[in-house]
Amino acid sequence: MSLPACRLYLITPPAISDMPAFLGALEAALGAGDVAALQIRLKNISDAQVEGAVRAILPVAQRHGVAAILNDRPDLAARTGCDGVHIGQEDGTVAAARKAMGPHAMIGVTCHDSRHLAMEAAEAGADYVAFGAFFPTGTKETVTPAPELETLSIWQEVMSVPCVAIGGITVENCRPLVEEGADFLAVSAGVWAYPEGPAAAVQAYLAEIAEGLKARS
């Protein structure tokens, strides 16, 4: 089976206390190599604060040709001009997100460890599905079991909608996910808390992705 390439999908920290400093880190990360998308995932703040953050972050993503995806809120994503939205199982339907965002927006859906949920999302018109958390993570509370690695390879055998692997993914543990068929690796703390900085983190992930892709062939 010939598998597509795997790309990097960044997620912001859940809280940004110093926006200018974060924008500098983001600029460095996106300038360090191929990044497909940036999910803006901010928790426990007002809609106005989310909008302000998106409007600050969006020009950096656009400058690097990176798709900007807002977490949870199709209405705010549409209002702020994001390229897409990522919704969880409790955040409404793909159809509602599509209605809010329009026909060309990117819509992703969290599917935890369930291929059934992922198939439902794909059939409803999702542009990608996300499986995880694959590994323990402090970024987001997980209440469902970790998916088996073969979830990715089985998905690739039966479906054409891209899949994202998410949850606790580090430079050290990411290669098997690539080998199993993840189309995207979603990472947050693995980049922003990387000891050598976010640019070095992106380069390290891309090196591991390249090695994982070699093993696919």
Protein backbone atom coordinates (compact mmCIF):
# COMPACT_ATOMS: atom_id res chain seq x y z
CA MET A 1 0.00 0.00 0.00
CA SER A 2 1.34 3.40 -0.99
CA LEU A 3 0.79 5.93 1.80
CA PRO A 4 0.76 9.74 1.48
CA ALA A 5 3.40 11.90 3.08
CA CYS A 6 3.10 12.89 6.72
CA ARG A 7 3.20 16.56 7.76
CA LEU A 8 3.40 18.54 10.96
CA TYR A 9 0.30 20.11 12.55
CA LEU A 10 1.04 22.53 15.39
CA ILE A 11 -1.31 23.40 18.24
CA THR A 12 -0.90 26.54 20.33
CA PRO A 13 -0.47 26.29 24.09
CA PRO A 14 -3.87 26.36 25.87
CA ALA A 15 -2.92 29.70 27.44
CA ILE A 16 -0.75 32.49 26.05
CA SER A 17 0.31 34.96 28.72
CA ASP A 18 2.76 36.94 26.58
CA MET A 19 1.45 37.30 23.04
CA PRO A 20 4.48 39.15 21.58
CA ALA A 21 6.81 36.46 22.91
CA PHE A 22 4.58 33.72 21.54
CA LEU A 23 4.39 35.38 18.13
CA GLY A 24 8.18 35.39 18.04
CA ALA A 25 8.28 31.71 18.93
CA LEU A 26 5.62 30.98 16.32
CA GLU A 27 7.53 32.89 13.65
CA ALA A 28 10.63 30.83 14.45
CA ALA A 29 8.71 27.54 14.41
CA LEU A 30 6.92 28.19 11.12
CA GLY A 31 10.12 29.42 9.50
CA ALA A 32 12.03 26.28 10.45
CA GLY A 33 10.44 23.88 7.98
CA ASP A 34 7.27 22.44 6.50
CA VAL A 35 4.27 22.97 8.80
CA ALA A 36 0.85 22.22 7.34
CA ALA A 37 -1.48 23.74 9.90
CA LEU A 38 -1.73 25.63 13.16
CA GLN A 39 -4.65 24.96 15.48
CA ILE A 40 -5.44 27.90 17.76
CA ARG A 41 -6.59 26.19 20.93
CA LEU A 42 -7.14 28.61 23.82
CA LYS A 43 -9.09 27.68 26.92
CA ASN A 44 -10.87 29.54 29.74
CA ILE A 45 -10.88 32.96 28.10
CA SER A 46 -13.64 35.17 26.70
CA ASP A 47 -14.76 35.24 23.08
CA ALA A 48 -13.25 38.71 22.76
CA GLN A 49 -9.90 37.42 23.99
CA VAL A 50 -10.05 34.49 21.57
CA GLU A 51 -10.80 36.88 18.71
CA GLY A 52 -7.93 39.15 19.72
CA ALA A 53 -5.54 36.22 19.85
CA VAL A 54 -6.66 34.89 16.48
CA ARG A 55 -6.24 38.29 14.83
CA ALA A 56 -2.71 38.49 16.22
CA ILE A 57 -1.74 34.95 15.22
CA LEU A 58 -3.41 34.78 11.81
CA PRO A 59 -0.98 37.08 9.92
CA VAL A 60 1.99 34.97 11.06
CA ALA A 61 0.35 31.77 9.81
CA GLN A 62 -0.68 33.41 6.55
CA ARG A 63 2.82 34.75 5.96
CA HIS A 64 4.14 31.19 6.06
CA GLY A 65 1.30 29.62 4.06
CA VAL A 66 0.09 27.65 7.09
CA ALA A 67 -3.61 26.88 7.50
CA ALA A 68 -5.05 28.48 10.64
CA ILE A 69 -7.66 26.32 12.37
CA LEU A 70 -9.64 27.45 15.42
CA ASN A 71 -10.59 24.90 18.05
CA ASP A 72 -14.24 24.33 19.06
CA ARG A 73 -15.92 27.45 17.65
CA PRO A 74 -17.07 27.53 14.01
CA ASP A 75 -18.78 30.88 14.58
CA LEU A 76 -15.60 32.58 15.80
CA ALA A 77 -13.53 30.82 13.15
CA ALA A 78 -15.76 32.22 10.42
CA ARG A 79 -15.85 35.70 11.97
CA THR A 80 -12.08 35.97 12.27
CA GLY A 81 -11.27 34.54 8.83
CA CYS A 82 -9.67 31.27 9.91
CA ASP A 83 -9.07 28.61 7.29
CA GLY A 84 -10.93 26.01 9.28
CA VAL A 85 -12.25 24.71 12.58
CA HIS A 86 -11.59 21.65 14.69
CA ILE A 87 -14.56 20.29 16.62
CA GLY A 88 -14.86 17.71 19.37
CA GLN A 89 -17.67 15.24 19.86
CA GLU A 90 -19.50 17.76 22.05
CA ASP A 91 -19.01 20.78 19.76
CA GLY A 92 -21.82 20.26 17.28
CA THR A 93 -22.04 18.54 13.93
CA VAL A 94 -19.92 18.66 10.82
CA ALA A 95 -22.97 19.96 8.96
CA ALA A 96 -23.38 22.87 11.39
CA ALA A 97 -19.68 23.69 11.17
CA ARG A 98 -19.85 23.59 7.39
CA LYS A 99 -22.86 25.89 7.37
CA ALA A 100 -21.02 28.39 9.57
CA MET A 101 -17.69 28.16 7.74
CA GLY A 102 -18.69 27.71 4.11
CA PRO A 103 -17.84 25.07 1.52
CA HIS A 104 -14.10 25.68 1.30
CA ALA A 105 -13.20 25.66 4.99
CA MET A 106 -11.22 22.84 6.55
CA ILE A 107 -13.20 20.92 9.18
CA GLY A 108 -11.55 18.41 11.48
CA VAL A 109 -13.17 16.18 14.07
CA THR A 110 -11.83 14.58 17.25
CA CYS A 111 -12.58 10.86 17.16
CA HIS A 112 -10.58 9.60 20.16
CA ASP A 113 -9.88 5.85 19.70
CA SER A 114 -12.97 5.16 17.59
CA ARG A 115 -12.84 4.26 13.90
CA HIS A 116 -16.65 4.24 14.00
CA LEU A 117 -16.78 7.90 15.04
CA ALA A 118 -14.16 8.70 12.43
CA MET A 119 -16.14 6.99 9.67
CA GLU A 120 -19.25 8.91 10.69
CA ALA A 121 -17.30 12.17 10.57
CA ALA A 122 -15.81 11.33 7.18
CA GLU A 123 -19.21 10.42 5.77
CA ALA A 124 -20.59 13.72 7.11
CA GLY A 125 -17.97 15.63 5.13
CA ALA A 126 -15.08 16.17 7.54
CA ASP A 127 -11.81 17.06 5.85
CA TYR A 128 -9.77 15.14 8.41
CA VAL A 129 -10.26 13.02 11.52
CA ALA A 130 -8.07 13.05 14.62
CA PHE A 131 -7.20 9.95 16.65
CA GLY A 132 -5.73 10.22 20.15
CA ALA A 133 -4.41 10.78 22.68
CA PHE A 134 -1.84 8.16 21.70
CA PHE A 135 0.42 8.97 24.65
CA PRO A 136 -0.02 10.58 28.07
CA THR A 137 -0.37 14.35 27.78
CA GLY A 138 -0.65 17.24 30.16
CA THR A 139 -2.02 19.58 27.50
CA LYS A 140 -5.54 18.15 27.55
CA GLU A 141 -7.44 15.86 29.90
CA THR A 142 -8.06 12.50 28.28
CA VAL A 143 -11.05 10.38 29.25
CA THR A 144 -10.93 7.75 26.51
CA PRO A 145 -8.46 4.90 25.98
CA ALA A 146 -5.38 5.47 23.86
CA PRO A 147 -5.87 4.21 20.31
CA GLU A 148 -3.85 1.26 19.10
CA LEU A 149 -1.16 2.21 16.59
CA GLU A 150 -2.82 -0.04 14.02
CA THR A 151 -5.83 2.30 14.09
CA LEU A 152 -3.84 4.46 11.68
CA SER A 153 -2.88 1.68 9.27
CA ILE A 154 -6.40 0.24 9.26
CA TRP A 155 -7.80 3.69 8.55
CA GLN A 156 -5.45 4.13 5.60
CA GLU A 157 -6.53 0.78 4.18
CA VAL A 158 -10.24 1.60 4.13
CA MET A 159 -10.62 5.39 4.01
CA SER A 160 -9.25 8.29 1.95
CA VAL A 161 -9.96 11.11 4.42
CA PRO A 162 -6.67 12.13 6.10
CA CYS A 163 -6.02 11.20 9.71
CA VAL A 164 -4.23 13.20 12.38
CA ALA A 165 -2.41 11.56 15.29
CA ILE A 166 -2.57 13.63 18.48
CA GLY A 167 -1.73 13.46 22.15
CA GLY A 168 1.61 13.45 23.93
CA ILE A 169 3.58 13.17 20.70
CA THR A 170 7.27 13.91 21.18
CA VAL A 171 10.34 13.80 18.98
CA GLU A 172 11.26 10.54 20.72
CA ASN A 173 7.96 8.69 20.21
CA CYS A 174 6.58 10.05 16.94
CA ARG A 175 8.25 7.81 14.37
CA PRO A 176 5.96 4.74 14.83
CA LEU A 177 2.94 6.96 14.17
CA VAL A 178 4.44 8.01 10.86
CA GLU A 179 5.28 4.41 9.98
CA GLU A 180 1.71 3.31 10.73
CA GLY A 181 0.23 5.88 8.37
CA ALA A 182 -0.56 9.15 10.14
CA ASP A 183 -1.09 11.90 7.57
CA PHE A 184 -0.35 14.56 10.19
CA LEU A 185 1.33 14.67 13.59
CA ALA A 186 -0.37 17.17 15.92
CA VAL A 187 2.02 18.56 18.52
CA SER A 188 1.83 21.29 21.14
CA ALA A 189 4.10 21.11 24.19
CA GLY A 190 6.53 19.00 22.19
CA VAL A 191 7.34 22.15 20.22
CA TRP A 192 6.75 25.04 22.62
CA ALA A 193 8.55 23.38 25.57
CA TYR A 194 11.36 21.85 23.52
CA PRO A 195 14.66 22.57 25.34
CA GLU A 196 16.42 23.99 22.27
CA GLY A 197 13.46 26.10 21.23
CA PRO A 198 10.54 25.76 18.80
CA ALA A 199 12.57 26.10 15.60
CA ALA A 200 14.86 23.25 16.65
CA ALA A 201 11.78 21.24 17.65
CA VAL A 202 10.19 21.58 14.21
CA GLN A 203 13.44 20.53 12.57
CA ALA A 204 13.73 17.53 14.90
CA TYR A 205 10.16 16.41 14.20
CA LEU A 206 10.66 16.77 10.46
CA ALA A 207 13.78 14.63 10.65
CA GLU A 208 11.85 11.91 12.47
CA ILE A 209 9.00 12.17 9.97
CA ALA A 210 11.49 11.70 7.13
CA GLU A 211 12.86 8.57 8.78
CA GLY A 212 9.37 7.25 9.36
CA LEU A 213 8.46 7.81 5.72
CA LYS A 214 11.54 5.85 4.64
CA ALA A 215 10.30 2.92 6.67
CA ARG A 216 6.93 3.06 4.87
CA SER A 217 8.48 2.46 1.47
